[in-house]
Amino acid sequence: MAEVQISQRRELHWLLDRISERDLSRARDFLRELVDPVALSLLNAPFDDEPESPAERAAVDTARREPGEGTPHEDVLREFGL
């Protein structure tokens, strides 16, 4: 059984190395779905195009005035494996 699993993993690596550049994103999304369907759902969520309410805008303004440097965008992406 373990040999079959290793053989399948080798084949997947072989296939991955041969995916065209233009299809890499689709392949990644498909594999993410197999591993974590929630992550894929978040990636495919529609853009929120609703206008901000005055209360939301005030909350954002308050958050931006908070002291400290915040967290760099790159650190957030790295934390979530993106």
N, C-alpha and C. Protein backbone atom coordinates (compact mmCIF):
# COMPACT_ATOMS: atom_id res chain seq x y z
N MET A 1 0.82 -1.20 0.00
CA MET A 1 0.00 0.00 0.00
C MET A 1 0.86 1.26 0.00
N ALA A 2 1.91 1.31 0.82
CA ALA A 2 2.77 2.48 0.89
C ALA A 2 3.47 2.73 -0.44
N GLU A 3 3.86 1.65 -1.13
CA GLU A 3 4.53 1.81 -2.42
C GLU A 3 3.59 2.42 -3.45
N VAL A 4 2.33 2.04 -3.41
CA VAL A 4 1.34 2.61 -4.34
C VAL A 4 1.22 4.11 -4.08
N GLN A 5 1.17 4.50 -2.81
CA GLN A 5 1.05 5.91 -2.45
C GLN A 5 2.28 6.69 -2.92
N ILE A 6 3.47 6.14 -2.74
CA ILE A 6 4.70 6.80 -3.21
C ILE A 6 4.67 6.92 -4.72
N SER A 7 4.26 5.87 -5.40
CA SER A 7 4.19 5.89 -6.86
C SER A 7 3.21 6.96 -7.34
N GLN A 8 2.08 7.08 -6.67
CA GLN A 8 1.09 8.09 -7.05
C GLN A 8 1.63 9.50 -6.81
N ARG A 9 2.34 9.68 -5.71
CA ARG A 9 2.93 10.98 -5.42
C ARG A 9 3.99 11.34 -6.47
N ARG A 10 4.79 10.37 -6.85
CA ARG A 10 5.80 10.62 -7.89
C ARG A 10 5.13 11.03 -9.19
N GLU A 11 4.04 10.33 -9.52
CA GLU A 11 3.33 10.67 -10.75
C GLU A 11 2.76 12.08 -10.67
N LEU A 12 2.21 12.43 -9.52
CA LEU A 12 1.67 13.78 -9.36
C LEU A 12 2.78 14.83 -9.51
N HIS A 13 3.93 14.58 -8.93
CA HIS A 13 5.06 15.50 -9.10
C HIS A 13 5.47 15.59 -10.57
N TRP A 14 5.50 14.46 -11.24
CA TRP A 14 5.85 14.42 -12.65
C TRP A 14 4.86 15.25 -13.47
N LEU A 15 3.57 15.06 -13.18
CA LEU A 15 2.54 15.82 -13.89
C LEU A 15 2.65 17.31 -13.60
N LEU A 16 2.85 17.65 -12.35
CA LEU A 16 2.97 19.04 -11.95
C LEU A 16 4.10 19.74 -12.69
N ASP A 17 5.21 19.06 -12.85
CA ASP A 17 6.35 19.64 -13.55
C ASP A 17 6.07 19.87 -15.03
N ARG A 18 5.02 19.29 -15.55
CA ARG A 18 4.72 19.42 -16.97
C ARG A 18 3.50 20.28 -17.28
N ILE A 19 2.91 20.86 -16.26
CA ILE A 19 1.76 21.74 -16.46
C ILE A 19 2.25 23.06 -17.05
N SER A 20 1.55 23.55 -18.04
CA SER A 20 1.95 24.80 -18.68
C SER A 20 1.82 25.96 -17.69
N GLU A 21 2.59 27.00 -17.93
CA GLU A 21 2.57 28.18 -17.06
C GLU A 21 1.16 28.76 -16.95
N ARG A 22 0.44 28.76 -18.05
CA ARG A 22 -0.90 29.37 -18.02
C ARG A 22 -1.90 28.54 -17.23
N ASP A 23 -1.61 27.26 -17.00
CA ASP A 23 -2.53 26.39 -16.25
C ASP A 23 -2.12 26.18 -14.80
N LEU A 24 -0.98 26.74 -14.39
CA LEU A 24 -0.51 26.52 -13.03
C LEU A 24 -1.50 27.03 -11.98
N SER A 25 -2.09 28.17 -12.22
CA SER A 25 -3.03 28.73 -11.25
C SER A 25 -4.24 27.82 -11.07
N ARG A 26 -4.77 27.31 -12.19
CA ARG A 26 -5.92 26.39 -12.10
C ARG A 26 -5.54 25.13 -11.35
N ALA A 27 -4.35 24.59 -11.63
CA ALA A 27 -3.90 23.37 -10.96
C ALA A 27 -3.75 23.62 -9.47
N ARG A 28 -3.16 24.77 -9.11
CA ARG A 28 -2.99 25.10 -7.70
C ARG A 28 -4.35 25.19 -7.00
N ASP A 29 -5.30 25.87 -7.63
CA ASP A 29 -6.62 26.00 -7.02
C ASP A 29 -7.29 24.65 -6.84
N PHE A 30 -7.15 23.78 -7.83
CA PHE A 30 -7.75 22.46 -7.73
C PHE A 30 -7.12 21.67 -6.58
N LEU A 31 -5.81 21.71 -6.47
CA LEU A 31 -5.13 20.99 -5.39
C LEU A 31 -5.49 21.57 -4.03
N ARG A 32 -5.62 22.88 -3.96
CA ARG A 32 -6.04 23.51 -2.69
C ARG A 32 -7.43 23.02 -2.29
N GLU A 33 -8.31 22.87 -3.28
CA GLU A 33 -9.66 22.40 -2.97
C GLU A 33 -9.61 21.00 -2.37
N LEU A 34 -8.74 20.16 -2.90
CA LEU A 34 -8.61 18.81 -2.36
C LEU A 34 -8.08 18.82 -0.94
N VAL A 35 -7.20 19.76 -0.65
CA VAL A 35 -6.57 19.84 0.66
C VAL A 35 -7.43 20.64 1.64
N ASP A 36 -7.96 21.76 1.17
CA ASP A 36 -8.70 22.66 2.06
C ASP A 36 -9.81 23.36 1.29
N PRO A 37 -11.01 22.80 1.29
CA PRO A 37 -12.10 23.40 0.53
C PRO A 37 -12.46 24.80 1.01
N VAL A 38 -12.21 25.11 2.28
CA VAL A 38 -12.52 26.44 2.80
C VAL A 38 -11.60 27.48 2.15
N ALA A 39 -10.31 27.14 2.01
CA ALA A 39 -9.35 28.06 1.39
C ALA A 39 -9.77 28.38 -0.04
N LEU A 40 -10.19 27.38 -0.77
CA LEU A 40 -10.61 27.62 -2.15
C LEU A 40 -11.87 28.47 -2.20
N SER A 41 -12.79 28.24 -1.28
CA SER A 41 -14.01 29.05 -1.24
C SER A 41 -13.68 30.52 -1.01
N LEU A 42 -12.73 30.77 -0.13
CA LEU A 42 -12.32 32.15 0.12
C LEU A 42 -11.66 32.77 -1.10
N LEU A 43 -10.83 31.99 -1.79
CA LEU A 43 -10.16 32.49 -2.98
C LEU A 43 -11.16 32.82 -4.09
N ASN A 44 -12.24 32.08 -4.15
CA ASN A 44 -13.23 32.26 -5.21
C ASN A 44 -14.39 33.16 -4.81
N ALA A 45 -14.34 33.70 -3.61
CA ALA A 45 -15.42 34.56 -3.15
C ALA A 45 -15.50 35.80 -4.04
N PRO A 46 -16.71 36.24 -4.35
CA PRO A 46 -16.84 37.43 -5.19
C PRO A 46 -16.32 38.68 -4.48
N PHE A 47 -15.86 39.63 -5.26
CA PHE A 47 -15.40 40.90 -4.74
C PHE A 47 -16.56 41.61 -4.07
N ASP A 48 -16.33 42.17 -2.91
CA ASP A 48 -17.37 42.90 -2.19
C ASP A 48 -17.46 44.31 -2.76
N ASP A 49 -18.47 44.54 -3.59
CA ASP A 49 -18.60 45.84 -4.24
C ASP A 49 -19.68 46.72 -3.61
N GLU A 50 -20.14 46.31 -2.43
CA GLU A 50 -21.14 47.14 -1.75
C GLU A 50 -20.45 48.38 -1.18
N PRO A 51 -21.11 49.53 -1.26
CA PRO A 51 -20.50 50.74 -0.69
C PRO A 51 -20.40 50.63 0.82
N GLU A 52 -19.38 51.28 1.36
CA GLU A 52 -19.23 51.29 2.82
C GLU A 52 -20.31 52.16 3.44
N SER A 53 -20.79 51.69 4.57
CA SER A 53 -21.73 52.51 5.33
C SER A 53 -20.91 53.55 6.12
N PRO A 54 -21.55 54.60 6.59
CA PRO A 54 -20.82 55.58 7.41
C PRO A 54 -20.18 54.93 8.64
N ALA A 55 -20.86 53.97 9.25
CA ALA A 55 -20.31 53.29 10.43
C ALA A 55 -19.07 52.48 10.06
N GLU A 56 -19.11 51.79 8.91
CA GLU A 56 -17.96 51.02 8.46
C GLU A 56 -16.78 51.94 8.16
N ARG A 57 -17.06 53.04 7.50
CA ARG A 57 -16.00 54.00 7.15
C ARG A 57 -15.36 54.55 8.43
N ALA A 58 -16.18 54.85 9.43
CA ALA A 58 -15.65 55.37 10.70
C ALA A 58 -14.79 54.32 11.39
N ALA A 59 -15.21 53.06 11.34
CA ALA A 59 -14.43 51.98 11.96
C ALA A 59 -13.07 51.83 11.28
N VAL A 60 -13.05 51.94 9.96
CA VAL A 60 -11.78 51.85 9.22
C VAL A 60 -10.88 53.02 9.58
N ASP A 61 -11.45 54.21 9.63
CA ASP A 61 -10.66 55.39 10.00
C ASP A 61 -10.07 55.24 11.40
N THR A 62 -10.86 54.72 12.32
CA THR A 62 -10.37 54.49 13.69
C THR A 62 -9.23 53.49 13.69
N ALA A 63 -9.39 52.41 12.96
CA ALA A 63 -8.34 51.38 12.91
C ALA A 63 -7.05 51.94 12.31
N ARG A 64 -7.17 52.79 11.31
CA ARG A 64 -5.97 53.36 10.67
C ARG A 64 -5.24 54.33 11.59
N ARG A 65 -5.94 54.91 12.54
CA ARG A 65 -5.31 55.84 13.48
C ARG A 65 -4.68 55.13 14.67
N GLU A 66 -4.88 53.81 14.80
CA GLU A 66 -4.32 53.09 15.93
C GLU A 66 -2.80 53.17 15.90
N PRO A 67 -2.18 53.24 17.08
CA PRO A 67 -0.72 53.33 17.12
C PRO A 67 -0.07 52.03 16.66
N GLY A 68 1.18 52.14 16.23
CA GLY A 68 1.92 50.96 15.82
C GLY A 68 2.04 50.89 14.31
N GLU A 69 2.96 50.07 13.89
CA GLU A 69 3.24 49.95 12.46
C GLU A 69 2.29 49.00 11.75
N GLY A 70 1.60 48.16 12.49
CA GLY A 70 0.74 47.17 11.86
C GLY A 70 1.55 45.98 11.38
N THR A 71 0.94 45.14 10.57
CA THR A 71 1.59 43.95 10.04
C THR A 71 1.79 44.11 8.55
N PRO A 72 3.03 43.97 8.07
CA PRO A 72 3.26 44.09 6.63
C PRO A 72 2.43 43.06 5.84
N HIS A 73 1.96 43.48 4.69
CA HIS A 73 1.14 42.62 3.84
C HIS A 73 1.83 41.30 3.54
N GLU A 74 3.13 41.34 3.28
CA GLU A 74 3.89 40.13 2.97
C GLU A 74 3.84 39.13 4.13
N ASP A 75 3.88 39.64 5.37
CA ASP A 75 3.81 38.76 6.53
C ASP A 75 2.45 38.07 6.63
N VAL A 76 1.41 38.80 6.32
CA VAL A 76 0.06 38.22 6.36
C VAL A 76 -0.05 37.13 5.30
N LEU A 77 0.41 37.42 4.09
CA LEU A 77 0.36 36.41 3.03
C LEU A 77 1.14 35.17 3.41
N ARG A 78 2.34 35.36 3.97
CA ARG A 78 3.17 34.23 4.38
C ARG A 78 2.49 33.41 5.46
N GLU A 79 1.84 34.10 6.41
CA GLU A 79 1.15 33.41 7.51
C GLU A 79 0.05 32.49 6.98
N PHE A 80 -0.59 32.91 5.89
CA PHE A 80 -1.68 32.12 5.32
C PHE A 80 -1.23 31.26 4.15
N GLY A 81 0.08 31.18 3.94
CA GLY A 81 0.60 30.32 2.90
C GLY A 81 0.30 30.79 1.50
N LEU A 82 0.18 32.08 1.30
CA LEU A 82 -0.14 32.64 -0.02
C LEU A 82 1.06 33.34 -0.63
